[in-house]
PDB file of all heavy atoms in Angstrom:
ATOM      1  N   LEU A   1     153.499  76.727  30.323  1.00  0.00           N
ATOM      2  CA  LEU A   1     153.485  77.940  29.501  1.00  0.00           C
ATOM      3  C   LEU A   1     152.189  78.724  29.690  1.00  0.00           C
ATOM      4  O   LEU A   1     152.202  79.964  29.670  1.00  0.00           O
ATOM      5  CB  LEU A   1     153.673  77.576  28.027  1.00  0.00           C
ATOM      6  CG  LEU A   1     155.055  77.042  27.630  1.00  0.00           C
ATOM      7  CD1 LEU A   1     155.071  76.644  26.164  1.00  0.00           C
ATOM      8  CD2 LEU A   1     156.133  78.073  27.907  1.00  0.00           C
ATOM      9  N   THR A   2     151.078  78.018  29.887  1.00  0.00           N
ATOM     10  CA  THR A   2     149.806  78.703  30.136  1.00  0.00           C
ATOM     11  C   THR A   2     149.848  79.465  31.449  1.00  0.00           C
ATOM     12  O   THR A   2     149.461  80.635  31.522  1.00  0.00           O
ATOM     13  CB  THR A   2     148.649  77.689  30.151  1.00  0.00           C
ATOM     14  OG1 THR A   2     148.571  77.022  28.885  1.00  0.00           O
ATOM     15  CG2 THR A   2     147.324  78.394  30.420  1.00  0.00           C
ATOM     16  N   VAL A   3     150.353  78.810  32.487  1.00  0.00           N
ATOM     17  CA  VAL A   3     150.484  79.471  33.797  1.00  0.00           C
ATOM     18  C   VAL A   3     151.437  80.655  33.694  1.00  0.00           C
ATOM     19  O   VAL A   3     151.180  81.734  34.244  1.00  0.00           O
ATOM     20  CB  VAL A   3     150.979  78.466  34.862  1.00  0.00           C
ATOM     21  CG1 VAL A   3     151.318  79.188  36.161  1.00  0.00           C
ATOM     22  CG2 VAL A   3     149.931  77.398  35.108  1.00  0.00           C
ATOM     23  N   GLY A   4     152.550  80.464  32.970  1.00  0.00           N
ATOM     24  CA  GLY A   4     153.512  81.547  32.801  1.00  0.00           C
ATOM     25  C   GLY A   4     152.913  82.741  32.079  1.00  0.00           C
ATOM     26  O   GLY A   4     153.186  83.897  32.436  1.00  0.00           O
ATOM     27  N   SER A   5     152.103  82.483  31.068  1.00  0.00           N
ATOM     28  CA  SER A   5     151.467  83.575  30.328  1.00  0.00           C
ATOM     29  C   SER A   5     150.478  84.337  31.203  1.00  0.00           C
ATOM     30  O   SER A   5     150.391  85.566  31.145  1.00  0.00           O
ATOM     31  CB  SER A   5     150.746  83.022  29.095  1.00  0.00           C
ATOM     32  OG  SER A   5     151.657  82.430  28.197  1.00  0.00           O
ATOM     33  N   LEU A   6     149.743  83.605  32.032  1.00  0.00           N
ATOM     34  CA  LEU A   6     148.744  84.239  32.901  1.00  0.00           C
ATOM     35  C   LEU A   6     149.378  85.024  34.037  1.00  0.00           C
ATOM     36  O   LEU A   6     148.785  85.986  34.543  1.00  0.00           O
ATOM     37  CB  LEU A   6     147.794  83.178  33.466  1.00  0.00           C
ATOM     38  CG  LEU A   6     146.890  82.464  32.440  1.00  0.00           C
ATOM     39  CD1 LEU A   6     146.104  81.348  33.107  1.00  0.00           C
ATOM     40  CD2 LEU A   6     145.952  83.465  31.762  1.00  0.00           C
ATOM     41  N   THR A   7     150.590  84.631  34.441  1.00  0.00           N
ATOM     42  CA  THR A   7     151.254  85.292  35.569  1.00  0.00           C
ATOM     43  C   THR A   7     152.358  86.250  35.113  1.00  0.00           C
ATOM     44  O   THR A   7     153.150  86.721  35.931  1.00  0.00           O
ATOM     45  CB  THR A   7     151.856  84.240  36.527  1.00  0.00           C
ATOM     46  OG1 THR A   7     152.775  83.402  35.794  1.00  0.00           O
ATOM     47  CG2 THR A   7     150.767  83.379  37.137  1.00  0.00           C
ATOM     48  N   ASN A   8     152.411  86.511  33.802  1.00  0.00           N
ATOM     49  CA  ASN A   8     153.429  87.421  33.235  1.00  0.00           C
ATOM     50  C   ASN A   8     154.856  86.968  33.547  1.00  0.00           C
ATOM     51  O   ASN A   8     155.749  87.797  33.733  1.00  0.00           O
ATOM     52  CB  ASN A   8     153.222  88.852  33.748  1.00  0.00           C
ATOM     53  CG  ASN A   8     151.945  89.474  33.213  1.00  0.00           C
ATOM     54  OD1 ASN A   8     151.591  89.266  32.060  1.00  0.00           O
ATOM     55  ND2 ASN A   8     151.254  90.219  34.058  1.00  0.00           N
ATOM     56  N   SER A   9     155.067  85.665  33.592  1.00  0.00           N
ATOM     57  CA  SER A   9     156.425  85.135  33.733  1.00  0.00           C
ATOM     58  C   SER A   9     156.809  84.473  32.408  1.00  0.00           C
ATOM     59  O   SER A   9     156.543  85.035  31.352  1.00  0.00           O
ATOM     60  CB  SER A   9     156.509  84.165  34.923  1.00  0.00           C
ATOM     61  OG  SER A   9     155.560  83.122  34.785  1.00  0.00           O
ATOM     62  N   TYR A  10     157.418  83.295  32.453  1.00  0.00           N
ATOM     63  CA  TYR A  10     157.857  82.657  31.213  1.00  0.00           C
ATOM     64  C   TYR A  10     156.681  81.912  30.578  1.00  0.00           C
ATOM     65  O   TYR A  10     156.337  80.803  30.980  1.00  0.00           O
ATOM     66  CB  TYR A  10     159.003  81.682  31.479  1.00  0.00           C
ATOM     67  CG  TYR A  10     159.712  81.250  30.208  1.00  0.00           C
ATOM     68  CD1 TYR A  10     160.740  82.005  29.675  1.00  0.00           C
ATOM     69  CD2 TYR A  10     159.339  80.086  29.547  1.00  0.00           C
ATOM     70  CE1 TYR A  10     161.383  81.622  28.510  1.00  0.00           C
ATOM     71  CE2 TYR A  10     159.971  79.690  28.376  1.00  0.00           C
ATOM     72  CZ  TYR A  10     160.996  80.461  27.873  1.00  0.00           C
ATOM     73  OH  TYR A  10     161.619  80.081  26.716  1.00  0.00           O
ATOM     74  N   GLY A  11     156.087  82.560  29.546  1.00  0.00           N
ATOM     75  CA  GLY A  11     154.933  81.972  28.895  1.00  0.00           C
ATOM     76  C   GLY A  11     155.164  81.744  27.411  1.00  0.00           C
ATOM     77  O   GLY A  11     156.296  81.633  26.945  1.00  0.00           O
ATOM     78  N   PHE A  12     154.089  81.692  26.651  1.00  0.00           N
ATOM     79  CA  PHE A  12     154.166  81.384  25.228  1.00  0.00           C
ATOM     80  C   PHE A  12     154.961  82.445  24.454  1.00  0.00           C
ATOM     81  O   PHE A  12     155.733  82.112  23.554  1.00  0.00           O
ATOM     82  CB  PHE A  12     152.756  81.277  24.638  1.00  0.00           C
ATOM     83  CG  PHE A  12     152.018  80.038  25.052  1.00  0.00           C
ATOM     84  CD1 PHE A  12     151.026  80.087  26.016  1.00  0.00           C
ATOM     85  CD2 PHE A  12     152.339  78.805  24.481  1.00  0.00           C
ATOM     86  CE1 PHE A  12     150.350  78.943  26.406  1.00  0.00           C
ATOM     87  CE2 PHE A  12     151.662  77.646  24.859  1.00  0.00           C
ATOM     88  CZ  PHE A  12     150.674  77.714  25.830  1.00  0.00           C
ATOM     89  N   ARG A  13     154.795  83.728  24.802  1.00  0.00           N
ATOM     90  CA  ARG A  13     155.478  84.793  24.057  1.00  0.00           C
ATOM     91  C   ARG A  13     156.994  84.693  24.204  1.00  0.00           C
ATOM     92  O   ARG A  13     157.730  84.744  23.217  1.00  0.00           O
ATOM     93  CB  ARG A  13     155.011  86.157  24.549  1.00  0.00           C
ATOM     94  CG  ARG A  13     155.565  87.330  23.729  1.00  0.00           C
ATOM     95  CD  ARG A  13     155.044  88.653  24.252  1.00  0.00           C
ATOM     96  NE  ARG A  13     155.567  88.937  25.568  1.00  0.00           N
ATOM     97  CZ  ARG A  13     156.771  89.497  25.780  1.00  0.00           C
ATOM     98  NH1 ARG A  13     157.553  89.802  24.760  1.00  0.00           N
ATOM     99  NH2 ARG A  13     157.181  89.746  27.003  1.00  0.00           N
ATOM    100  N   LEU A  14     157.466  84.510  25.453  1.00  0.00           N
ATOM    101  CA  LEU A  14     158.905  84.413  25.679  1.00  0.00           C
ATOM    102  C   LEU A  14     159.463  83.113  25.111  1.00  0.00           C
ATOM    103  O   LEU A  14     160.587  83.076  24.607  1.00  0.00           O
ATOM    104  CB  LEU A  14     159.211  84.511  27.176  1.00  0.00           C
ATOM    105  CG  LEU A  14     159.018  85.898  27.800  1.00  0.00           C
ATOM    106  CD1 LEU A  14     159.316  85.851  29.291  1.00  0.00           C
ATOM    107  CD2 LEU A  14     159.910  86.924  27.111  1.00  0.00           C
ATOM    108  N   ALA A  15     158.683  82.038  25.190  1.00  0.00           N
ATOM    109  CA  ALA A  15     159.130  80.764  24.635  1.00  0.00           C
ATOM    110  C   ALA A  15     159.307  80.871  23.125  1.00  0.00           C
ATOM    111  O   ALA A  15     160.285  80.373  22.559  1.00  0.00           O
ATOM    112  CB  ALA A  15     158.132  79.659  24.981  1.00  0.00           C
ATOM    113  N   PHE A  16     158.350  81.541  22.468  1.00  0.00           N
ATOM    114  CA  PHE A  16     158.454  81.717  21.019  1.00  0.00           C
ATOM    115  C   PHE A  16     159.655  82.594  20.668  1.00  0.00           C
ATOM    116  O   PHE A  16     160.357  82.343  19.687  1.00  0.00           O
ATOM    117  CB  PHE A  16     157.170  82.341  20.478  1.00  0.00           C
ATOM    118  CG  PHE A  16     157.216  82.607  18.997  1.00  0.00           C
ATOM    119  CD1 PHE A  16     157.164  81.572  18.082  1.00  0.00           C
ATOM    120  CD2 PHE A  16     157.338  83.910  18.518  1.00  0.00           C
ATOM    121  CE1 PHE A  16     157.224  81.805  16.716  1.00  0.00           C
ATOM    122  CE2 PHE A  16     157.396  84.158  17.158  1.00  0.00           C
ATOM    123  CZ  PHE A  16     157.335  83.106  16.261  1.00  0.00           C
ATOM    124  N   LYS A  17     159.893  83.638  21.467  1.00  0.00           N
ATOM    125  CA  LYS A  17     161.042  84.521  21.217  1.00  0.00           C
ATOM    126  C   LYS A  17     162.356  83.742  21.336  1.00  0.00           C
ATOM    127  O   LYS A  17     163.238  83.863  20.481  1.00  0.00           O
ATOM    128  CB  LYS A  17     161.035  85.682  22.219  1.00  0.00           C
ATOM    129  CG  LYS A  17     162.183  86.669  22.033  1.00  0.00           C
ATOM    130  CD  LYS A  17     162.055  87.843  22.964  1.00  0.00           C
ATOM    131  CE  LYS A  17     162.373  87.470  24.387  1.00  0.00           C
ATOM    132  NZ  LYS A  17     163.805  87.147  24.594  1.00  0.00           N
ATOM    133  N   ASP A  18     162.480  82.923  22.394  1.00  0.00           N
ATOM    134  CA  ASP A  18     163.695  82.129  22.567  1.00  0.00           C
ATOM    135  C   ASP A  18     163.865  81.134  21.426  1.00  0.00           C
ATOM    136  O   ASP A  18     164.972  80.933  20.916  1.00  0.00           O
ATOM    137  CB  ASP A  18     163.656  81.380  23.904  1.00  0.00           C
ATOM    138  CG  ASP A  18     163.907  82.300  25.086  1.00  0.00           C
ATOM    139  OD1 ASP A  18     164.341  83.443  24.860  1.00  0.00           O
ATOM    140  OD2 ASP A  18     163.668  81.881  26.229  1.00  0.00           O
ATOM    141  N   TYR A  19     162.764  80.510  21.046  1.00  0.00           N
ATOM    142  CA  TYR A  19     162.815  79.535  19.957  1.00  0.00           C
ATOM    143  C   TYR A  19     163.252  80.200  18.656  1.00  0.00           C
ATOM    144  O   TYR A  19     164.097  79.678  17.924  1.00  0.00           O
ATOM    145  CB  TYR A  19     161.431  78.907  19.799  1.00  0.00           C
ATOM    146  CG  TYR A  19     161.329  77.889  18.687  1.00  0.00           C
ATOM    147  CD1 TYR A  19     161.842  76.605  18.853  1.00  0.00           C
ATOM    148  CD2 TYR A  19     160.706  78.204  17.478  1.00  0.00           C
ATOM    149  CE1 TYR A  19     161.744  75.668  17.837  1.00  0.00           C
ATOM    150  CE2 TYR A  19     160.607  77.272  16.463  1.00  0.00           C
ATOM    151  CZ  TYR A  19     161.126  76.004  16.645  1.00  0.00           C
ATOM    152  OH  TYR A  19     161.024  75.087  15.646  1.00  0.00           O
ATOM    153  N   LYS A  20     162.705  81.385  18.379  1.00  0.00           N
ATOM    154  CA  LYS A  20     163.038  82.130  17.162  1.00  0.00           C
ATOM    155  C   LYS A  20     164.523  82.509  17.157  1.00  0.00           C
ATOM    156  O   LYS A  20     165.199  82.398  16.132  1.00  0.00           O
ATOM    157  CB  LYS A  20     162.167  83.381  17.099  1.00  0.00           C
ATOM    158  CG  LYS A  20     162.333  84.215  15.848  1.00  0.00           C
ATOM    159  CD  LYS A  20     161.262  85.297  15.779  1.00  0.00           C
ATOM    160  CE  LYS A  20     161.344  86.208  16.980  1.00  0.00           C
ATOM    161  NZ  LYS A  20     160.391  87.353  16.863  1.00  0.00           N
ATOM    162  N   GLU A  21     165.043  82.944  18.307  1.00  0.00           N
ATOM    163  CA  GLU A  21     166.447  83.324  18.406  1.00  0.00           C
ATOM    164  C   GLU A  21     167.359  82.126  18.185  1.00  0.00           C
ATOM    165  O   GLU A  21     168.390  82.217  17.510  1.00  0.00           O
ATOM    166  CB  GLU A  21     166.724  83.950  19.767  1.00  0.00           C
ATOM    167  CG  GLU A  21     166.063  85.311  19.955  1.00  0.00           C
ATOM    168  CD  GLU A  21     166.152  85.789  21.381  1.00  0.00           C
ATOM    169  OE1 GLU A  21     166.842  85.129  22.182  1.00  0.00           O
ATOM    170  OE2 GLU A  21     165.528  86.816  21.703  1.00  0.00           O
ATOM    171  N   MET A  22     167.001  80.987  18.769  1.00  0.00           N
ATOM    172  CA  MET A  22     167.850  79.799  18.653  1.00  0.00           C
ATOM    173  C   MET A  22     167.861  79.269  17.225  1.00  0.00           C
ATOM    174  O   MET A  22     168.906  78.867  16.708  1.00  0.00           O
ATOM    175  CB  MET A  22     167.390  78.727  19.640  1.00  0.00           C
ATOM    176  CG  MET A  22     167.758  79.046  21.083  1.00  0.00           C
ATOM    177  SD  MET A  22     167.346  77.734  22.259  1.00  0.00           S
ATOM    178  CE  MET A  22     165.597  77.989  22.475  1.00  0.00           C
ATOM    179  N   VAL A  23     166.690  79.278  16.570  1.00  0.00           N
ATOM    180  CA  VAL A  23     166.638  78.839  15.174  1.00  0.00           C
ATOM    181  C   VAL A  23     167.472  79.767  14.301  1.00  0.00           C
ATOM    182  O   VAL A  23     168.226  79.318  13.432  1.00  0.00           O
ATOM    183  CB  VAL A  23     165.176  78.782  14.679  1.00  0.00           C
ATOM    184  CG1 VAL A  23     165.129  78.567  13.173  1.00  0.00           C
ATOM    185  CG2 VAL A  23     164.423  77.667  15.387  1.00  0.00           C
ATOM    186  N   TYR A  24     167.364  81.079  14.548  1.00  0.00           N
ATOM    187  CA  TYR A  24     168.137  82.043  13.769  1.00  0.00           C
ATOM    188  C   TYR A  24     169.630  81.816  13.970  1.00  0.00           C
ATOM    189  O   TYR A  24     170.419  81.911  13.031  1.00  0.00           O
ATOM    190  CB  TYR A  24     167.762  83.469  14.189  1.00  0.00           C
ATOM    191  CG  TYR A  24     168.489  84.528  13.404  1.00  0.00           C
ATOM    192  CD1 TYR A  24     168.088  84.851  12.112  1.00  0.00           C
ATOM    193  CD2 TYR A  24     169.574  85.196  13.944  1.00  0.00           C
ATOM    194  CE1 TYR A  24     168.751  85.813  11.379  1.00  0.00           C
ATOM    195  CE2 TYR A  24     170.248  86.168  13.223  1.00  0.00           C
ATOM    196  CZ  TYR A  24     169.833  86.471  11.946  1.00  0.00           C
ATOM    197  OH  TYR A  24     170.504  87.419  11.230  1.00  0.00           O
ATOM    198  N   GLY A  25     170.017  81.503  15.208  1.00  0.00           N
ATOM    199  CA  GLY A  25     171.427  81.276  15.513  1.00  0.00           C
ATOM    200  C   GLY A  25     172.014  80.086  14.785  1.00  0.00           C
ATOM    201  O   GLY A  25     173.205  80.072  14.463  1.00  0.00           O
ATOM    202  N   ILE A  26     171.204  79.092  14.500  1.00  0.00           N
ATOM    203  CA  ILE A  26     171.695  77.903  13.798  1.00  0.00           C
ATOM    204  C   ILE A  26     172.158  78.261  12.390  1.00  0.00           C
ATOM    205  O   ILE A  26     173.190  77.777  11.904  1.00  0.00           O
ATOM    206  CB  ILE A  26     170.584  76.824  13.729  1.00  0.00           C
ATOM    207  CG1 ILE A  26     170.321  76.258  15.127  1.00  0.00           C
ATOM    208  CG2 ILE A  26     170.981  75.699  12.780  1.00  0.00           C
ATOM    209  CD1 ILE A  26     169.163  75.283  15.160  1.00  0.00           C
ATOM    210  N   PHE A  27     171.424  79.143  11.727  1.00  0.00           N
ATOM    211  CA  PHE A  27     171.717  79.477  10.337  1.00  0.00           C
ATOM    212  C   PHE A  27     172.628  80.696  10.183  1.00  0.00           C
ATOM    213  O   PHE A  27     173.049  81.008   9.081  1.00  0.00           O
ATOM    214  CB  PHE A  27     170.404  79.712   9.575  1.00  0.00           C
ATOM    215  CG  PHE A  27     169.529  78.488   9.529  1.00  0.00           C
ATOM    216  CD1 PHE A  27     168.436  78.376  10.368  1.00  0.00           C
ATOM    217  CD2 PHE A  27     169.829  77.442   8.672  1.00  0.00           C
ATOM    218  CE1 PHE A  27     167.628  77.250  10.337  1.00  0.00           C
ATOM    219  CE2 PHE A  27     169.022  76.308   8.634  1.00  0.00           C
ATOM    220  CZ  PHE A  27     167.924  76.213   9.468  1.00  0.00           C
ATOM    221  N   THR A  28     172.919  81.392  11.287  1.00  0.00           N
ATOM    222  CA  THR A  28     173.815  82.552  11.222  1.00  0.00           C
ATOM    223  C   THR A  28     174.859  82.440  12.333  1.00  0.00           C
ATOM    224  O   THR A  28     175.009  83.344  13.137  1.00  0.00           O
ATOM    225  CB  THR A  28     173.024  83.863  11.388  1.00  0.00           C
ATOM    226  OG1 THR A  28     172.356  83.854  12.655  1.00  0.00           O
ATOM    227  CG2 THR A  28     172.017  84.036  10.273  1.00  0.00           C
ATOM    228  N   GLU A  29     175.553  81.347  12.366  1.00  0.00           N
ATOM    229  CA  GLU A  29     176.519  81.107  13.437  1.00  0.00           C
ATOM    230  C   GLU A  29     177.636  82.150  13.385  1.00  0.00           C
ATOM    231  O   GLU A  29     178.263  82.356  12.354  1.00  0.00           O
ATOM    232  CB  GLU A  29     177.128  79.710  13.304  1.00  0.00           C
ATOM    233  CG  GLU A  29     178.056  79.364  14.458  1.00  0.00           C
ATOM    234  CD  GLU A  29     178.606  77.954  14.332  1.00  0.00           C
ATOM    235  OE1 GLU A  29     178.287  77.286  13.342  1.00  0.00           O
ATOM    236  OE2 GLU A  29     179.357  77.538  15.220  1.00  0.00           O
ATOM    237  N   PRO A  30     177.889  82.855  14.513  1.00  0.00           N
ATOM    238  CA  PRO A  30     178.959  83.850  14.530  1.00  0.00           C
ATOM    239  C   PRO A  30     180.330  83.231  14.288  1.00  0.00           C
ATOM    240  O   PRO A  30     180.513  82.018  14.384  1.00  0.00           O
ATOM    241  CB  PRO A  30     178.861  84.427  15.954  1.00  0.00           C
ATOM    242  CG  PRO A  30     177.459  84.130  16.392  1.00  0.00           C
ATOM    243  CD  PRO A  30     177.129  82.811  15.752  1.00  0.00           C
TER     244      PRO A  30
END
């Protein structure tokens, strides 16, 4: 994640976004 953040690929920001989306999906299942 550190390397991803430094190289503008998959880093901490995108990981947190994915994590937030998945947690939200658990409690609001379509």
